[in-house]
Amino acid sequence: MAVDWIGFGYAAVIAFGGFMGYKRKGSVMSLMAGLVFGGLSAYGALKISMDVQDTSLSLLSSAVLAVVMGMRFRNSGKLMPAGLMALLSFLMVVRLLFKIMM
């Protein structure tokens, strides 16, 4: 059983980003979104660790996050945090699609 370290790292970045949004701006919504999407991504990474082909939860959560943060980046033009999270989420979607094809 191979551990999905990239997936767990991605989940940690999401959760940490939500925490930093709360700490710096007092945004409870950032904290909740970071914890929810970070938790979903961590659970998805756990499922991938158990079965390499079970990418549905990780793919769904990272695709939703890529779209939402991509729209926020387009509207604000700010690289941090929206642009960075959109890019990381998009790269995660690409990684998971390659995992499905292999």
N, C-alpha and C. Protein backbone atom coordinates (compact mmCIF):
# COMPACT_ATOMS: atom_id res chain seq x y z
N MET A 1 0.84 -1.18 0.00
CA MET A 1 0.00 0.00 0.00
C MET A 1 0.89 1.24 0.00
N ALA A 2 0.79 2.05 -1.05
CA ALA A 2 1.57 3.27 -1.16
C ALA A 2 0.78 4.44 -0.61
N VAL A 3 1.40 5.22 0.24
CA VAL A 3 0.74 6.38 0.84
C VAL A 3 0.76 7.53 -0.15
N ASP A 4 -0.36 8.22 -0.28
CA ASP A 4 -0.49 9.36 -1.19
C ASP A 4 0.02 10.62 -0.48
N TRP A 5 1.35 10.76 -0.41
CA TRP A 5 1.94 11.89 0.30
C TRP A 5 1.59 13.22 -0.35
N ILE A 6 1.52 13.25 -1.67
CA ILE A 6 1.17 14.49 -2.36
C ILE A 6 -0.25 14.91 -1.99
N GLY A 7 -1.17 13.96 -1.94
CA GLY A 7 -2.55 14.26 -1.57
C GLY A 7 -2.67 14.76 -0.13
N PHE A 8 -1.93 14.13 0.78
CA PHE A 8 -1.95 14.59 2.17
C PHE A 8 -1.31 15.96 2.31
N GLY A 9 -0.25 16.22 1.56
CA GLY A 9 0.38 17.54 1.58
C GLY A 9 -0.55 18.61 1.04
N TYR A 10 -1.25 18.29 -0.02
CA TYR A 10 -2.23 19.21 -0.60
C TYR A 10 -3.33 19.53 0.42
N ALA A 11 -3.81 18.50 1.11
CA ALA A 11 -4.84 18.70 2.13
C ALA A 11 -4.34 19.59 3.26
N ALA A 12 -3.09 19.40 3.65
CA ALA A 12 -2.51 20.22 4.72
C ALA A 12 -2.38 21.67 4.28
N VAL A 13 -2.00 21.91 3.02
CA VAL A 13 -1.89 23.27 2.51
C VAL A 13 -3.26 23.96 2.52
N ILE A 14 -4.29 23.23 2.14
CA ILE A 14 -5.64 23.80 2.13
C ILE A 14 -6.08 24.17 3.55
N ALA A 15 -5.91 23.25 4.48
CA ALA A 15 -6.30 23.52 5.87
C ALA A 15 -5.49 24.67 6.46
N PHE A 16 -4.19 24.69 6.19
CA PHE A 16 -3.34 25.76 6.70
C PHE A 16 -3.74 27.11 6.10
N GLY A 17 -4.07 27.11 4.81
CA GLY A 17 -4.52 28.35 4.17
C GLY A 17 -5.80 28.89 4.78
N GLY A 18 -6.73 28.00 5.10
CA GLY A 18 -7.96 28.43 5.77
C GLY A 18 -7.67 29.01 7.14
N PHE A 19 -6.76 28.37 7.87
CA PHE A 19 -6.38 28.87 9.19
C PHE A 19 -5.72 30.24 9.09
N MET A 20 -4.85 30.42 8.10
CA MET A 20 -4.17 31.71 7.94
C MET A 20 -5.14 32.81 7.52
N GLY A 21 -6.14 32.47 6.71
CA GLY A 21 -7.16 33.45 6.36
C GLY A 21 -7.93 33.90 7.58
N TYR A 22 -8.18 32.97 8.49
CA TYR A 22 -8.87 33.32 9.74
C TYR A 22 -7.97 34.15 10.64
N LYS A 23 -6.72 33.75 10.76
CA LYS A 23 -5.79 34.44 11.66
C LYS A 23 -5.49 35.86 11.20
N ARG A 24 -5.31 36.06 9.90
CA ARG A 24 -4.93 37.39 9.40
C ARG A 24 -6.12 38.32 9.20
N LYS A 25 -7.22 37.79 8.69
CA LYS A 25 -8.36 38.64 8.35
C LYS A 25 -9.57 38.42 9.25
N GLY A 26 -9.52 37.40 10.09
CA GLY A 26 -10.67 37.08 10.94
C GLY A 26 -11.80 36.45 10.16
N SER A 27 -11.51 35.85 9.01
CA SER A 27 -12.53 35.28 8.15
C SER A 27 -12.90 33.87 8.60
N VAL A 28 -14.06 33.75 9.21
CA VAL A 28 -14.55 32.45 9.64
C VAL A 28 -14.87 31.58 8.43
N MET A 29 -15.31 32.20 7.35
CA MET A 29 -15.62 31.47 6.13
C MET A 29 -14.36 30.80 5.56
N SER A 30 -13.23 31.50 5.59
CA SER A 30 -11.98 30.89 5.13
C SER A 30 -11.60 29.70 6.00
N LEU A 31 -11.77 29.84 7.30
CA LEU A 31 -11.46 28.75 8.21
C LEU A 31 -12.34 27.55 7.93
N MET A 32 -13.64 27.77 7.79
CA MET A 32 -14.56 26.66 7.54
C MET A 32 -14.28 26.00 6.19
N ALA A 33 -14.07 26.80 5.15
CA ALA A 33 -13.78 26.24 3.83
C ALA A 33 -12.46 25.47 3.85
N GLY A 34 -11.46 26.01 4.52
CA GLY A 34 -10.17 25.32 4.61
C GLY A 34 -10.29 23.99 5.33
N LEU A 35 -11.05 23.98 6.42
CA LEU A 35 -11.21 22.73 7.17
C LEU A 35 -12.05 21.71 6.41
N VAL A 36 -13.12 22.16 5.76
CA VAL A 36 -13.98 21.24 5.01
C VAL A 36 -13.23 20.66 3.81
N PHE A 37 -12.65 21.54 2.98
CA PHE A 37 -11.97 21.05 1.79
C PHE A 37 -10.66 20.32 2.15
N GLY A 38 -9.99 20.77 3.19
CA GLY A 38 -8.80 20.06 3.65
C GLY A 38 -9.15 18.68 4.16
N GLY A 39 -10.24 18.57 4.91
CA GLY A 39 -10.69 17.27 5.41
C GLY A 39 -11.12 16.35 4.28
N LEU A 40 -11.87 16.88 3.33
CA LEU A 40 -12.27 16.06 2.18
C LEU A 40 -11.06 15.58 1.38
N SER A 41 -10.10 16.47 1.21
CA SER A 41 -8.89 16.09 0.46
C SER A 41 -8.06 15.06 1.22
N ALA A 42 -7.98 15.21 2.54
CA ALA A 42 -7.25 14.23 3.35
C ALA A 42 -7.93 12.86 3.30
N TYR A 43 -9.25 12.86 3.38
CA TYR A 43 -9.98 11.59 3.29
C TYR A 43 -9.83 10.98 1.90
N GLY A 44 -9.84 11.83 0.88
CA GLY A 44 -9.61 11.35 -0.48
C GLY A 44 -8.21 10.77 -0.64
N ALA A 45 -7.22 11.40 -0.02
CA ALA A 45 -5.85 10.87 -0.07
C ALA A 45 -5.76 9.53 0.65
N LEU A 46 -6.50 9.41 1.74
CA LEU A 46 -6.54 8.12 2.45
C LEU A 46 -7.15 7.04 1.57
N LYS A 47 -8.25 7.38 0.88
CA LYS A 47 -8.88 6.42 -0.02
C LYS A 47 -7.95 6.03 -1.16
N ILE A 48 -7.18 7.00 -1.69
CA ILE A 48 -6.23 6.70 -2.76
C ILE A 48 -5.11 5.81 -2.21
N SER A 49 -4.72 6.04 -0.96
CA SER A 49 -3.67 5.21 -0.36
C SER A 49 -4.11 3.76 -0.24
N MET A 50 -5.40 3.56 -0.03
CA MET A 50 -5.92 2.18 0.09
C MET A 50 -6.18 1.54 -1.27
N ASP A 51 -6.65 2.34 -2.24
CA ASP A 51 -6.94 1.85 -3.59
C ASP A 51 -6.55 2.95 -4.57
N VAL A 52 -5.53 2.73 -5.36
CA VAL A 52 -4.98 3.75 -6.25
C VAL A 52 -6.03 4.27 -7.24
N GLN A 53 -6.98 3.47 -7.62
CA GLN A 53 -7.99 3.89 -8.59
C GLN A 53 -9.16 4.65 -7.98
N ASP A 54 -9.24 4.75 -6.66
CA ASP A 54 -10.36 5.41 -5.99
C ASP A 54 -10.08 6.90 -5.83
N THR A 55 -10.16 7.62 -6.94
CA THR A 55 -9.80 9.04 -6.95
C THR A 55 -11.00 9.97 -6.97
N SER A 56 -12.21 9.45 -6.90
CA SER A 56 -13.40 10.27 -7.13
C SER A 56 -13.54 11.42 -6.14
N LEU A 57 -13.37 11.18 -4.86
CA LEU A 57 -13.54 12.24 -3.86
C LEU A 57 -12.46 13.31 -4.00
N SER A 58 -11.23 12.90 -4.16
CA SER A 58 -10.13 13.86 -4.33
C SER A 58 -10.31 14.67 -5.60
N LEU A 59 -10.72 14.01 -6.66
CA LEU A 59 -10.91 14.70 -7.93
C LEU A 59 -12.04 15.72 -7.83
N LEU A 60 -13.14 15.34 -7.21
CA LEU A 60 -14.27 16.25 -7.06
C LEU A 60 -13.91 17.46 -6.20
N SER A 61 -13.30 17.22 -5.05
CA SER A 61 -12.99 18.34 -4.15
C SER A 61 -11.95 19.27 -4.76
N SER A 62 -10.93 18.74 -5.42
CA SER A 62 -9.91 19.61 -6.00
C SER A 62 -10.46 20.35 -7.24
N ALA A 63 -11.36 19.72 -7.99
CA ALA A 63 -11.96 20.41 -9.14
C ALA A 63 -12.86 21.56 -8.69
N VAL A 64 -13.66 21.32 -7.66
CA VAL A 64 -14.52 22.39 -7.13
C VAL A 64 -13.66 23.54 -6.61
N LEU A 65 -12.61 23.22 -5.88
CA LEU A 65 -11.74 24.26 -5.34
C LEU A 65 -11.01 25.00 -6.46
N ALA A 66 -10.62 24.30 -7.52
CA ALA A 66 -9.95 24.96 -8.65
C ALA A 66 -10.89 25.95 -9.33
N VAL A 67 -12.15 25.57 -9.51
CA VAL A 67 -13.11 26.45 -10.16
C VAL A 67 -13.42 27.66 -9.29
N VAL A 68 -13.71 27.42 -8.01
CA VAL A 68 -14.08 28.52 -7.11
C VAL A 68 -12.92 29.50 -6.95
N MET A 69 -11.74 28.97 -6.67
CA MET A 69 -10.59 29.86 -6.47
C MET A 69 -10.14 30.49 -7.79
N GLY A 70 -10.34 29.80 -8.89
CA GLY A 70 -10.04 30.39 -10.19
C GLY A 70 -10.94 31.59 -10.49
N MET A 71 -12.22 31.48 -10.14
CA MET A 71 -13.14 32.60 -10.32
C MET A 71 -12.78 33.75 -9.40
N ARG A 72 -12.38 33.44 -8.15
CA ARG A 72 -11.96 34.50 -7.23
C ARG A 72 -10.70 35.19 -7.73
N PHE A 73 -9.78 34.41 -8.30
CA PHE A 73 -8.56 35.00 -8.86
C PHE A 73 -8.88 35.89 -10.05
N ARG A 74 -9.78 35.44 -10.91
CA ARG A 74 -10.16 36.23 -12.07
C ARG A 74 -10.80 37.56 -11.65
N ASN A 75 -11.64 37.51 -10.61
CA ASN A 75 -12.31 38.73 -10.16
C ASN A 75 -11.39 39.67 -9.41
N SER A 76 -10.49 39.13 -8.58
CA SER A 76 -9.64 39.99 -7.76
C SER A 76 -8.29 40.29 -8.40
N GLY A 77 -7.77 39.35 -9.18
CA GLY A 77 -6.45 39.52 -9.77
C GLY A 77 -5.31 39.31 -8.79
N LYS A 78 -5.64 38.88 -7.57
CA LYS A 78 -4.62 38.69 -6.54
C LYS A 78 -4.09 37.26 -6.57
N LEU A 79 -2.76 37.16 -6.61
CA LEU A 79 -2.14 35.83 -6.64
C LEU A 79 -2.32 35.09 -5.32
N MET A 80 -2.25 35.81 -4.22
CA MET A 80 -2.39 35.18 -2.90
C MET A 80 -3.75 35.55 -2.31
N PRO A 81 -4.52 34.64 -1.86
CA PRO A 81 -4.37 33.21 -1.89
C PRO A 81 -5.08 32.55 -3.07
N ALA A 82 -5.96 33.32 -3.73
CA ALA A 82 -6.83 32.72 -4.75
C ALA A 82 -6.05 32.12 -5.92
N GLY A 83 -5.09 32.84 -6.45
CA GLY A 83 -4.34 32.35 -7.60
C GLY A 83 -3.52 31.12 -7.28
N LEU A 84 -2.88 31.14 -6.11
CA LEU A 84 -2.06 30.00 -5.71
C LEU A 84 -2.91 28.76 -5.49
N MET A 85 -4.04 28.91 -4.81
CA MET A 85 -4.92 27.76 -4.56
C MET A 85 -5.55 27.25 -5.85
N ALA A 86 -5.88 28.15 -6.75
CA ALA A 86 -6.42 27.72 -8.05
C ALA A 86 -5.38 26.92 -8.81
N LEU A 87 -4.14 27.38 -8.81
CA LEU A 87 -3.06 26.66 -9.51
C LEU A 87 -2.80 25.30 -8.87
N LEU A 88 -2.67 25.26 -7.54
CA LEU A 88 -2.43 23.98 -6.86
C LEU A 88 -3.58 23.00 -7.11
N SER A 89 -4.80 23.50 -7.06
CA SER A 89 -5.95 22.63 -7.27
C SER A 89 -6.01 22.12 -8.70
N PHE A 90 -5.69 22.99 -9.65
CA PHE A 90 -5.66 22.57 -11.05
C PHE A 90 -4.60 21.50 -11.26
N LEU A 91 -3.42 21.69 -10.68
CA LEU A 91 -2.35 20.69 -10.80
C LEU A 91 -2.77 19.37 -10.17
N MET A 92 -3.51 19.44 -9.07
CA MET A 92 -3.99 18.22 -8.42
C MET A 92 -5.01 17.51 -9.33
N VAL A 93 -5.87 18.26 -9.98
CA VAL A 93 -6.83 17.66 -10.92
C VAL A 93 -6.09 16.95 -12.04
N VAL A 94 -5.08 17.60 -12.61
CA VAL A 94 -4.29 16.99 -13.68
C VAL A 94 -3.62 15.72 -13.18
N ARG A 95 -3.03 15.77 -12.00
CA ARG A 95 -2.37 14.59 -11.42
C ARG A 95 -3.36 13.43 -11.26
N LEU A 96 -4.55 13.74 -10.76
CA LEU A 96 -5.53 12.68 -10.54
C LEU A 96 -6.07 12.12 -11.84
N LEU A 97 -6.22 12.95 -12.85
CA LEU A 97 -6.65 12.45 -14.16
C LEU A 97 -5.60 11.53 -14.76
N PHE A 98 -4.31 11.87 -14.59
CA PHE A 98 -3.26 10.97 -15.04
C PHE A 98 -3.28 9.66 -14.27
N LYS A 99 -3.60 9.72 -12.99
CA LYS A 99 -3.68 8.52 -12.16
C LYS A 99 -4.80 7.60 -12.66
N ILE A 100 -5.90 8.20 -13.09
CA ILE A 100 -7.03 7.41 -13.62
C ILE A 100 -6.63 6.73 -14.92
N MET A 101 -5.90 7.46 -15.78
CA MET A 101 -5.52 6.90 -17.08
C MET A 101 -4.47 5.81 -16.98
N MET A 102 -3.67 5.82 -15.96
CA MET A 102 -2.59 4.82 -15.82
C MET A 102 -3.10 3.52 -15.28
